[in-house]
Amino acid sequence: MRSAALKADGLLLLTAAIWGAAFVAQRAGMEHLGPMAFNGIRFALGALALLPLAMRSAGTPADPYSPKGALLAALAAGVVLFLGASFQQWGMVYTTAGKGGFITGLYVILVPLIGLLFGQRPGAGCWVGAVLAVAGLYLLSVTGDFSMEWGDVLVLISAFFWSGHVLVVGHVSPRMNPVRFACAQYTVCAVLSLLSAVALEETTLRGVMGAAIPILYGGLMSVGVAYTLQVVAQRDAHPAHAAILLSLEGVFAALAGWVLLDETIPMRGLLGCVLMLAGMLAAQADELRKPPAG
């Protein structure tokens, strides 16, 4: 259905824009809260926002998952989401919104490369994309003494978990009720994040109130709206279209950081961003040439 695919692409572009701006909220929130507390509260808020819809949402008659299977699928997605969000949020304490967005976008290349572990063979475009992305990451993040800033390293680690999350969501979302699945995985992520905050951080009511606006954006928009749009859109979107459109969050993050936080990226870093974006697009060239399934 071409109309359904176009609608899905539009939803994914909106998702990328919301996520890009969320890097600004994540940076601002770190002035008041620890990364685990920030994530825990925002994912709990996102889950609560979806709970009424999830309770009223009808199940799918053709759903192949038993209640136990659906629970395990949501648990797996929630754990991967927790790991990706934790490393990313920890990294945002030490890096800029623009750099965080572009480095996170490397999951677009990692998704097909991870397929090697399952016997899949990426095409030439993926390898070209990987080379371009590595070159771009070097220009953006590696300093003259061949070291990377700690924040960039943490966000890079998160990209591996984001790629795993895309794979999990892409596999289970066509088989499950999207609203219930989204609400369940946010709940898992929120519980794990809050438990980590209790164990590792000191959280105060004053800090929560100080981060109220970033939390509201991160919880209601980035989690409640954007992650749900991802789950819904990936039911109809071409996998390559989804990966490319979601990778644009790095562009939106750089723009939001420039406009709202007055962050700048030097010319060397801008060239790195261009190479990374080119690599993300090249990595999906082989998939784009394939006709959509069905």
C-alpha atoms as a PDB file:
ATOM      1  CA  MET A   1       0.000   0.000   0.000  1.00  0.00           C
ATOM      2  CA  ARG A   2       1.795   3.090  -1.246  1.00  0.00           C
ATOM      3  CA  SER A   3      -0.344   5.515   0.786  1.00  0.00           C
ATOM      4  CA  ALA A   4       0.370   3.590   3.990  1.00  0.00           C
ATOM      5  CA  ALA A   5       4.100   3.595   3.226  1.00  0.00           C
ATOM      6  CA  LEU A   6       4.113   7.350   2.563  1.00  0.00           C
ATOM      7  CA  LYS A   7       2.243   7.968   5.804  1.00  0.00           C
ATOM      8  CA  ALA A   8       4.740   5.795   7.656  1.00  0.00           C
ATOM      9  CA  ASP A   9       7.660   7.731   6.141  1.00  0.00           C
ATOM     10  CA  GLY A  10       6.071  10.999   7.269  1.00  0.00           C
ATOM     11  CA  LEU A  11       5.646   9.679  10.802  1.00  0.00           C
ATOM     12  CA  LEU A  12       9.278   8.557  10.883  1.00  0.00           C
ATOM     13  CA  LEU A  13      10.484  11.991   9.724  1.00  0.00           C
ATOM     14  CA  LEU A  14       8.450  13.586  12.510  1.00  0.00           C
ATOM     15  CA  THR A  15       9.938  11.064  14.926  1.00  0.00           C
ATOM     16  CA  ALA A  16      13.463  12.053  13.869  1.00  0.00           C
ATOM     17  CA  ALA A  17      12.669  15.753  14.401  1.00  0.00           C
ATOM     18  CA  ILE A  18      11.274  15.116  17.892  1.00  0.00           C
ATOM     19  CA  TRP A  19      14.246  12.958  18.829  1.00  0.00           C
ATOM     20  CA  GLY A  20      16.704  15.512  17.478  1.00  0.00           C
ATOM     21  CA  ALA A  21      15.254  18.270  19.638  1.00  0.00           C
ATOM     22  CA  ALA A  22      15.250  15.857  22.586  1.00  0.00           C
ATOM     23  CA  PHE A  23      19.064  15.977  22.691  1.00  0.00           C
ATOM     24  CA  VAL A  24      18.709  19.595  23.822  1.00  0.00           C
ATOM     25  CA  ALA A  25      16.292  18.545  26.574  1.00  0.00           C
ATOM     26  CA  GLN A  26      18.678  15.773  27.618  1.00  0.00           C
ATOM     27  CA  ARG A  27      21.548  18.238  27.889  1.00  0.00           C
ATOM     28  CA  ALA A  28      19.464  20.743  29.850  1.00  0.00           C
ATOM     29  CA  GLY A  29      18.121  18.097  32.228  1.00  0.00           C
ATOM     30  CA  MET A  30      21.630  17.069  33.252  1.00  0.00           C
ATOM     31  CA  GLU A  31      22.085  20.407  35.015  1.00  0.00           C
ATOM     32  CA  HIS A  32      19.636  19.234  37.688  1.00  0.00           C
ATOM     33  CA  LEU A  33      19.440  15.411  37.689  1.00  0.00           C
ATOM     34  CA  GLY A  34      21.608  12.364  37.205  1.00  0.00           C
ATOM     35  CA  PRO A  35      21.198  10.464  33.923  1.00  0.00           C
ATOM     36  CA  MET A  36      19.447   7.446  35.463  1.00  0.00           C
ATOM     37  CA  ALA A  37      16.903   9.556  37.342  1.00  0.00           C
ATOM     38  CA  PHE A  38      16.212  11.684  34.265  1.00  0.00           C
ATOM     39  CA  ASN A  39      15.620   8.599  32.126  1.00  0.00           C
ATOM     40  CA  GLY A  40      13.564   6.857  34.784  1.00  0.00           C
ATOM     41  CA  ILE A  41      11.184   9.768  35.262  1.00  0.00           C
ATOM     42  CA  ARG A  42      10.806  10.559  31.570  1.00  0.00           C
ATOM     43  CA  PHE A  43      10.140   6.950  30.557  1.00  0.00           C
ATOM     44  CA  ALA A  44       7.702   6.538  33.453  1.00  0.00           C
ATOM     45  CA  LEU A  45       5.930   9.692  32.277  1.00  0.00           C
ATOM     46  CA  GLY A  46       5.815   8.342  28.732  1.00  0.00           C
ATOM     47  CA  ALA A  47       4.369   5.028  29.918  1.00  0.00           C
ATOM     48  CA  LEU A  48       1.729   6.759  32.049  1.00  0.00           C
ATOM     49  CA  ALA A  49       0.736   8.965  29.118  1.00  0.00           C
ATOM     50  CA  LEU A  50       0.099   5.848  27.018  1.00  0.00           C
ATOM     51  CA  LEU A  51      -1.542   3.750  29.731  1.00  0.00           C
ATOM     52  CA  PRO A  52      -5.150   4.904  29.078  1.00  0.00           C
ATOM     53  CA  LEU A  53      -4.746   4.203  25.351  1.00  0.00           C
ATOM     54  CA  ALA A  54      -3.116   0.846  26.049  1.00  0.00           C
ATOM     55  CA  MET A  55      -5.959  -0.223  28.331  1.00  0.00           C
ATOM     56  CA  ARG A  56      -8.594   0.685  25.724  1.00  0.00           C
ATOM     57  CA  SER A  57      -6.615  -0.622  22.766  1.00  0.00           C
ATOM     58  CA  ALA A  58      -7.952  -3.857  21.297  1.00  0.00           C
ATOM     59  CA  GLY A  59      -5.686  -6.828  20.747  1.00  0.00           C
ATOM     60  CA  THR A  60      -4.813  -8.182  17.324  1.00  0.00           C
ATOM     61  CA  PRO A  61      -6.815 -11.328  16.452  1.00  0.00           C
ATOM     62  CA  ALA A  62      -3.924 -12.680  14.407  1.00  0.00           C
ATOM     63  CA  ASP A  63      -1.363 -11.969  17.101  1.00  0.00           C
ATOM     64  CA  PRO A  64       0.952 -15.019  17.117  1.00  0.00           C
ATOM     65  CA  TYR A  65       2.272 -14.256  20.594  1.00  0.00           C
ATOM     66  CA  SER A  66       0.789 -15.760  23.719  1.00  0.00           C
ATOM     67  CA  PRO A  67       0.488 -13.396  26.727  1.00  0.00           C
ATOM     68  CA  LYS A  68       3.759 -14.847  28.022  1.00  0.00           C
ATOM     69  CA  GLY A  69       5.420 -14.410  24.626  1.00  0.00           C
ATOM     70  CA  ALA A  70       4.205 -10.814  24.367  1.00  0.00           C
ATOM     71  CA  LEU A  71       5.533 -10.112  27.854  1.00  0.00           C
ATOM     72  CA  LEU A  72       8.931 -11.567  26.975  1.00  0.00           C
ATOM     73  CA  ALA A  73       9.059  -9.516  23.741  1.00  0.00           C
ATOM     74  CA  ALA A  74       8.281  -6.298  25.628  1.00  0.00           C
ATOM     75  CA  LEU A  75      10.821  -7.239  28.326  1.00  0.00           C
ATOM     76  CA  ALA A  76      13.546  -7.801  25.709  1.00  0.00           C
ATOM     77  CA  ALA A  77      12.772  -4.499  23.974  1.00  0.00           C
ATOM     78  CA  GLY A  78      12.657  -2.678  27.303  1.00  0.00           C
ATOM     79  CA  VAL A  79      16.050  -4.006  28.439  1.00  0.00           C
ATOM     80  CA  VAL A  80      17.717  -3.014  25.153  1.00  0.00           C
ATOM     81  CA  LEU A  81      15.985   0.371  25.305  1.00  0.00           C
ATOM     82  CA  PHE A  82      17.254   0.852  28.873  1.00  0.00           C
ATOM     83  CA  LEU A  83      20.849   0.096  27.857  1.00  0.00           C
ATOM     84  CA  GLY A  84      20.749   2.375  24.828  1.00  0.00           C
ATOM     85  CA  ALA A  85      19.099   5.235  26.714  1.00  0.00           C
ATOM     86  CA  SER A  86      21.447   4.868  29.710  1.00  0.00           C
ATOM     87  CA  PHE A  87      24.697   5.038  27.752  1.00  0.00           C
ATOM     88  CA  GLN A  88      23.345   7.858  25.603  1.00  0.00           C
ATOM     89  CA  GLN A  89      22.137   9.918  28.558  1.00  0.00           C
ATOM     90  CA  TRP A  90      25.381   9.350  30.449  1.00  0.00           C
ATOM     91  CA  GLY A  91      27.310  10.461  27.375  1.00  0.00           C
ATOM     92  CA  MET A  92      25.210  13.611  26.980  1.00  0.00           C
ATOM     93  CA  VAL A  93      26.680  14.866  30.260  1.00  0.00           C
ATOM     94  CA  TYR A  94      30.017  15.277  28.454  1.00  0.00           C
ATOM     95  CA  THR A  95      29.221  16.001  24.794  1.00  0.00           C
ATOM     96  CA  THR A  96      27.083  18.376  22.723  1.00  0.00           C
ATOM     97  CA  ALA A  97      23.585  17.827  21.360  1.00  0.00           C
ATOM     98  CA  GLY A  98      24.803  17.879  17.754  1.00  0.00           C
ATOM     99  CA  LYS A  99      27.632  15.402  18.264  1.00  0.00           C
ATOM    100  CA  GLY A 100      25.404  13.146  20.331  1.00  0.00           C
ATOM    101  CA  GLY A 101      22.780  13.096  17.587  1.00  0.00           C
ATOM    102  CA  PHE A 102      25.175  12.246  14.784  1.00  0.00           C
ATOM    103  CA  ILE A 103      27.056   9.567  16.707  1.00  0.00           C
ATOM    104  CA  THR A 104      23.773   7.975  17.785  1.00  0.00           C
ATOM    105  CA  GLY A 105      22.788   7.840  14.106  1.00  0.00           C
ATOM    106  CA  LEU A 106      25.552   5.332  13.445  1.00  0.00           C
ATOM    107  CA  TYR A 107      23.094   2.601  14.425  1.00  0.00           C
ATOM    108  CA  VAL A 108      21.828   2.862  10.827  1.00  0.00           C
ATOM    109  CA  ILE A 109      25.095   1.289   9.679  1.00  0.00           C
ATOM    110  CA  LEU A 110      25.380  -1.087  12.608  1.00  0.00           C
ATOM    111  CA  VAL A 111      21.999  -2.722  11.891  1.00  0.00           C
ATOM    112  CA  PRO A 112      23.101  -4.435   8.628  1.00  0.00           C
ATOM    113  CA  LEU A 113      26.598  -5.117   9.995  1.00  0.00           C
ATOM    114  CA  ILE A 114      25.116  -6.952  12.984  1.00  0.00           C
ATOM    115  CA  GLY A 115      23.343  -9.100  10.404  1.00  0.00           C
ATOM    116  CA  LEU A 116      26.732 -10.738   9.768  1.00  0.00           C
ATOM    117  CA  LEU A 117      26.296 -12.537  13.085  1.00  0.00           C
ATOM    118  CA  PHE A 118      23.147 -14.150  11.707  1.00  0.00           C
ATOM    119  CA  GLY A 119      24.588 -15.210   8.364  1.00  0.00           C
ATOM    120  CA  GLN A 120      23.402 -12.155   6.438  1.00  0.00           C
ATOM    121  CA  ARG A 121      25.736 -10.558   3.893  1.00  0.00           C
ATOM    122  CA  PRO A 122      25.591  -6.764   3.641  1.00  0.00           C
ATOM    123  CA  GLY A 123      25.957  -5.337   0.124  1.00  0.00           C
ATOM    124  CA  ALA A 124      28.688  -3.068  -1.156  1.00  0.00           C
ATOM    125  CA  GLY A 125      26.742   0.026  -0.095  1.00  0.00           C
ATOM    126  CA  CYS A 126      26.930  -1.022   3.536  1.00  0.00           C
ATOM    127  CA  TRP A 127      30.707  -1.394   3.442  1.00  0.00           C
ATOM    128  CA  VAL A 128      31.106   1.959   1.688  1.00  0.00           C
ATOM    129  CA  GLY A 129      28.814   3.495   4.269  1.00  0.00           C
ATOM    130  CA  ALA A 130      30.826   2.001   7.125  1.00  0.00           C
ATOM    131  CA  VAL A 131      34.074   3.454   5.775  1.00  0.00           C
ATOM    132  CA  LEU A 132      32.505   6.900   5.324  1.00  0.00           C
ATOM    133  CA  ALA A 133      30.984   6.775   8.804  1.00  0.00           C
ATOM    134  CA  VAL A 134      34.267   5.803  10.461  1.00  0.00           C
ATOM    135  CA  ALA A 135      36.055   8.619   8.628  1.00  0.00           C
ATOM    136  CA  GLY A 136      33.329  11.035   9.677  1.00  0.00           C
ATOM    137  CA  LEU A 137      33.444   9.863  13.300  1.00  0.00           C
ATOM    138  CA  TYR A 138      37.215  10.431  13.294  1.00  0.00           C
ATOM    139  CA  LEU A 139      36.830  14.022  12.093  1.00  0.00           C
ATOM    140  CA  LEU A 140      33.958  14.729  14.482  1.00  0.00           C
ATOM    141  CA  SER A 141      35.227  13.126  17.672  1.00  0.00           C
ATOM    142  CA  VAL A 142      38.878  12.001  17.568  1.00  0.00           C
ATOM    143  CA  THR A 143      41.378  14.554  18.844  1.00  0.00           C
ATOM    144  CA  GLY A 144      44.923  15.182  17.694  1.00  0.00           C
ATOM    145  CA  ASP A 145      46.345  12.618  20.120  1.00  0.00           C
ATOM    146  CA  PHE A 146      44.048   9.931  18.632  1.00  0.00           C
ATOM    147  CA  SER A 147      41.717   9.845  21.620  1.00  0.00           C
ATOM    148  CA  MET A 148      37.963  10.322  21.836  1.00  0.00           C
ATOM    149  CA  GLU A 149      36.144  12.375  24.420  1.00  0.00           C
ATOM    150  CA  TRP A 150      34.487  10.233  27.082  1.00  0.00           C
ATOM    151  CA  GLY A 151      31.020  11.473  26.211  1.00  0.00           C
ATOM    152  CA  ASP A 152      31.449  10.518  22.546  1.00  0.00           C
ATOM    153  CA  VAL A 153      32.610   7.027  23.538  1.00  0.00           C
ATOM    154  CA  LEU A 154      29.516   6.497  25.687  1.00  0.00           C
ATOM    155  CA  VAL A 155      27.161   7.688  22.954  1.00  0.00           C
ATOM    156  CA  LEU A 156      28.955   5.413  20.476  1.00  0.00           C
ATOM    157  CA  ILE A 157      28.335   2.448  22.789  1.00  0.00           C
ATOM    158  CA  SER A 158      24.669   3.439  22.944  1.00  0.00           C
ATOM    159  CA  ALA A 159      24.470   3.265  19.132  1.00  0.00           C
ATOM    160  CA  PHE A 160      25.071  -0.501  19.304  1.00  0.00           C
ATOM    161  CA  PHE A 161      22.102  -0.896  21.636  1.00  0.00           C
ATOM    162  CA  TRP A 162      19.927   1.401  19.504  1.00  0.00           C
ATOM    163  CA  SER A 163      20.644  -0.822  16.520  1.00  0.00           C
ATOM    164  CA  GLY A 164      19.521  -3.805  18.579  1.00  0.00           C
ATOM    165  CA  HIS A 165      16.375  -1.949  19.574  1.00  0.00           C
ATOM    166  CA  VAL A 166      15.539  -1.176  15.928  1.00  0.00           C
ATOM    167  CA  LEU A 167      15.942  -4.874  15.093  1.00  0.00           C
ATOM    168  CA  VAL A 168      13.737  -5.982  17.987  1.00  0.00           C
ATOM    169  CA  VAL A 169      11.013  -3.430  17.233  1.00  0.00           C
ATOM    170  CA  GLY A 170      11.106  -4.213  13.524  1.00  0.00           C
ATOM    171  CA  HIS A 171      10.649  -7.917  14.284  1.00  0.00           C
ATOM    172  CA  VAL A 172       7.857  -7.783  16.845  1.00  0.00           C
ATOM    173  CA  SER A 173       5.898  -4.592  16.022  1.00  0.00           C
ATOM    174  CA  PRO A 174       3.950  -6.105  13.077  1.00  0.00           C
ATOM    175  CA  ARG A 175       2.897  -8.972  15.364  1.00  0.00           C
ATOM    176  CA  MET A 176       1.734  -7.015  18.428  1.00  0.00           C
ATOM    177  CA  ASN A 177      -0.588  -4.229  19.410  1.00  0.00           C
ATOM    178  CA  PRO A 178       1.720  -1.206  19.002  1.00  0.00           C
ATOM    179  CA  VAL A 179       0.356   0.921  21.855  1.00  0.00           C
ATOM    180  CA  ARG A 180       0.449  -1.902  24.404  1.00  0.00           C
ATOM    181  CA  PHE A 181       3.912  -2.948  23.257  1.00  0.00           C
ATOM    182  CA  ALA A 182       5.220   0.638  23.481  1.00  0.00           C
ATOM    183  CA  CYS A 183       3.735   1.163  26.952  1.00  0.00           C
ATOM    184  CA  ALA A 184       5.184  -2.137  28.203  1.00  0.00           C
ATOM    185  CA  GLN A 185       8.723  -1.489  26.983  1.00  0.00           C
ATOM    186  CA  TYR A 186       8.706   2.036  28.466  1.00  0.00           C
ATOM    187  CA  THR A 187       7.617   0.594  31.795  1.00  0.00           C
ATOM    188  CA  VAL A 188      10.485  -1.890  31.778  1.00  0.00           C
ATOM    189  CA  CYS A 189      12.969   0.861  30.897  1.00  0.00           C
ATOM    190  CA  ALA A 190      11.556   3.187  33.562  1.00  0.00           C
ATOM    191  CA  VAL A 191      11.748   0.575  36.326  1.00  0.00           C
ATOM    192  CA  LEU A 192      15.335  -0.367  35.475  1.00  0.00           C
ATOM    193  CA  SER A 193      16.375   3.299  35.256  1.00  0.00           C
ATOM    194  CA  LEU A 194      14.752   4.255  38.568  1.00  0.00           C
ATOM    195  CA  LEU A 195      16.313   1.279  40.351  1.00  0.00           C
ATOM    196  CA  SER A 196      19.700   2.335  38.953  1.00  0.00           C
ATOM    197  CA  ALA A 197      19.082   5.911  40.115  1.00  0.00           C
ATOM    198  CA  VAL A 198      18.342   4.742  43.658  1.00  0.00           C
ATOM    199  CA  ALA A 199      21.532   2.687  43.705  1.00  0.00           C
ATOM    200  CA  LEU A 200      23.884   5.122  41.971  1.00  0.00           C
ATOM    201  CA  GLU A 201      22.598   8.680  42.291  1.00  0.00           C
ATOM    202  CA  GLU A 202      21.292  11.215  44.779  1.00  0.00           C
ATOM    203  CA  THR A 203      17.995  12.622  43.529  1.00  0.00           C
ATOM    204  CA  THR A 204      16.167  15.538  45.152  1.00  0.00           C
ATOM    205  CA  LEU A 205      12.728  17.056  44.621  1.00  0.00           C
ATOM    206  CA  ARG A 206      14.436  20.363  43.887  1.00  0.00           C
ATOM    207  CA  GLY A 207      16.411  18.713  41.113  1.00  0.00           C
ATOM    208  CA  VAL A 208      13.279  17.144  39.637  1.00  0.00           C
ATOM    209  CA  MET A 209      11.480  20.493  39.671  1.00  0.00           C
ATOM    210  CA  GLY A 210      14.480  22.219  38.107  1.00  0.00           C
ATOM    211  CA  ALA A 211      14.452  19.697  35.249  1.00  0.00           C
ATOM    212  CA  ALA A 212      10.654  19.788  34.862  1.00  0.00           C
ATOM    213  CA  ILE A 213      10.543  21.224  31.333  1.00  0.00           C
ATOM    214  CA  PRO A 214      13.229  18.885  29.887  1.00  0.00           C
ATOM    215  CA  ILE A 215      11.515  15.946  31.627  1.00  0.00           C
ATOM    216  CA  LEU A 216       8.116  16.893  30.202  1.00  0.00           C
ATOM    217  CA  TYR A 217       9.524  17.146  26.682  1.00  0.00           C
ATOM    218  CA  GLY A 218      11.591  13.999  27.078  1.00  0.00           C
ATOM    219  CA  GLY A 219       8.692  12.060  28.596  1.00  0.00           C
ATOM    220  CA  LEU A 220       5.666  13.225  26.644  1.00  0.00           C
ATOM    221  CA  MET A 221       7.222  14.054  23.269  1.00  0.00           C
ATOM    222  CA  SER A 222      10.407  11.986  22.917  1.00  0.00           C
ATOM    223  CA  VAL A 223       9.036   8.897  24.677  1.00  0.00           C
ATOM    224  CA  GLY A 224       5.244   9.033  24.693  1.00  0.00           C
ATOM    225  CA  VAL A 225       4.885  10.404  21.151  1.00  0.00           C
ATOM    226  CA  ALA A 226       8.070   9.693  19.186  1.00  0.00           C
ATOM    227  CA  TYR A 227       8.850   6.125  20.290  1.00  0.00           C
ATOM    228  CA  THR A 228       5.210   5.223  19.766  1.00  0.00           C
ATOM    229  CA  LEU A 229       5.278   6.765  16.289  1.00  0.00           C
ATOM    230  CA  GLN A 230       8.334   4.594  15.572  1.00  0.00           C
ATOM    231  CA  VAL A 231       6.514   1.421  16.598  1.00  0.00           C
ATOM    232  CA  VAL A 232       3.407   2.340  14.589  1.00  0.00           C
ATOM    233  CA  ALA A 233       5.317   3.514  11.497  1.00  0.00           C
ATOM    234  CA  GLN A 234       7.629   0.492  11.309  1.00  0.00           C
ATOM    235  CA  ARG A 235       4.586  -1.687  10.722  1.00  0.00           C
ATOM    236  CA  ASP A 236       4.267  -0.245   7.176  1.00  0.00           C
ATOM    237  CA  ALA A 237       7.604   1.416   6.416  1.00  0.00           C
ATOM    238  CA  HIS A 238      10.296  -0.017   4.164  1.00  0.00           C
ATOM    239  CA  PRO A 239      13.171  -0.971   6.527  1.00  0.00           C
ATOM    240  CA  ALA A 240      15.687   1.129   4.582  1.00  0.00           C
ATOM    241  CA  HIS A 241      13.363   4.130   4.514  1.00  0.00           C
ATOM    242  CA  ALA A 242      12.896   3.805   8.266  1.00  0.00           C
ATOM    243  CA  ALA A 243      16.631   3.665   8.934  1.00  0.00           C
ATOM    244  CA  ILE A 244      17.428   6.642   6.701  1.00  0.00           C
ATOM    245  CA  LEU A 245      14.642   8.849   8.022  1.00  0.00           C
ATOM    246  CA  LEU A 246      15.420   8.056  11.656  1.00  0.00           C
ATOM    247  CA  SER A 247      19.108   8.803  11.039  1.00  0.00           C
ATOM    248  CA  LEU A 248      18.148  12.417  10.279  1.00  0.00           C
ATOM    249  CA  GLU A 249      17.769  12.955  14.020  1.00  0.00           C
ATOM    250  CA  GLY A 250      21.457  13.939  13.980  1.00  0.00           C
ATOM    251  CA  VAL A 251      20.696  16.820  11.617  1.00  0.00           C
ATOM    252  CA  PHE A 252      17.768  17.965  13.757  1.00  0.00           C
ATOM    253  CA  ALA A 253      19.913  17.629  16.903  1.00  0.00           C
ATOM    254  CA  ALA A 254      22.650  19.839  15.449  1.00  0.00           C
ATOM    255  CA  LEU A 255      20.087  22.455  14.388  1.00  0.00           C
ATOM    256  CA  ALA A 256      18.356  22.394  17.779  1.00  0.00           C
ATOM    257  CA  GLY A 257      21.673  22.638  19.630  1.00  0.00           C
ATOM    258  CA  TRP A 258      22.704  25.597  17.488  1.00  0.00           C
ATOM    259  CA  VAL A 259      19.391  27.457  17.879  1.00  0.00           C
ATOM    260  CA  LEU A 260      18.593  26.693  21.532  1.00  0.00           C
ATOM    261  CA  LEU A 261      21.988  26.119  23.196  1.00  0.00           C
ATOM    262  CA  ASP A 262      24.224  28.221  20.956  1.00  0.00           C
ATOM    263  CA  GLU A 263      26.386  25.144  20.293  1.00  0.00           C
ATOM    264  CA  THR A 264      28.719  25.252  17.330  1.00  0.00           C
ATOM    265  CA  ILE A 265      30.587  22.523  15.467  1.00  0.00           C
ATOM    266  CA  PRO A 266      33.967  23.464  13.931  1.00  0.00           C
ATOM    267  CA  MET A 267      34.561  22.998  10.201  1.00  0.00           C
ATOM    268  CA  ARG A 268      36.414  19.726  10.791  1.00  0.00           C
ATOM    269  CA  GLY A 269      33.438  18.424  12.759  1.00  0.00           C
ATOM    270  CA  LEU A 270      30.958  19.621  10.132  1.00  0.00           C
ATOM    271  CA  LEU A 271      32.869  17.690   7.477  1.00  0.00           C
ATOM    272  CA  GLY A 272      32.705  14.667   9.759  1.00  0.00           C
ATOM    273  CA  CYS A 273      28.938  15.095  10.080  1.00  0.00           C
ATOM    274  CA  VAL A 274      28.592  15.231   6.286  1.00  0.00           C
ATOM    275  CA  LEU A 275      30.639  12.046   5.881  1.00  0.00           C
ATOM    276  CA  MET A 276      28.656  10.272   8.590  1.00  0.00           C
ATOM    277  CA  LEU A 277      25.341  11.253   6.999  1.00  0.00           C
ATOM    278  CA  ALA A 278      26.626  10.115   3.598  1.00  0.00           C
ATOM    279  CA  GLY A 279      27.660   6.822   5.167  1.00  0.00           C
ATOM    280  CA  MET A 280      24.228   6.339   6.699  1.00  0.00           C
ATOM    281  CA  LEU A 281      22.603   6.877   3.306  1.00  0.00           C
ATOM    282  CA  ALA A 282      25.091   4.652   1.465  1.00  0.00           C
ATOM    283  CA  ALA A 283      24.541   1.846   3.965  1.00  0.00           C
ATOM    284  CA  GLN A 284      20.899   1.661   2.912  1.00  0.00           C
ATOM    285  CA  ALA A 285      21.464   1.901  -0.871  1.00  0.00           C
ATOM    286  CA  ASP A 286      21.227  -1.874  -1.385  1.00  0.00           C
ATOM    287  CA  GLU A 287      17.980  -2.125   0.569  1.00  0.00           C
ATOM    288  CA  LEU A 288      16.430   0.778  -1.307  1.00  0.00           C
ATOM    289  CA  ARG A 289      16.859  -1.083  -4.589  1.00  0.00           C
ATOM    290  CA  LYS A 290      14.834  -4.009  -3.277  1.00  0.00           C
ATOM    291  CA  PRO A 291      11.050  -3.953  -3.764  1.00  0.00           C
ATOM    292  CA  PRO A 292       9.047  -3.773  -0.519  1.00  0.00           C
ATOM    293  CA  ALA A 293       7.969  -7.168   0.791  1.00  0.00           C
ATOM    294  CA  GLY A 294       4.439  -8.135  -0.131  1.00  0.00           C
END
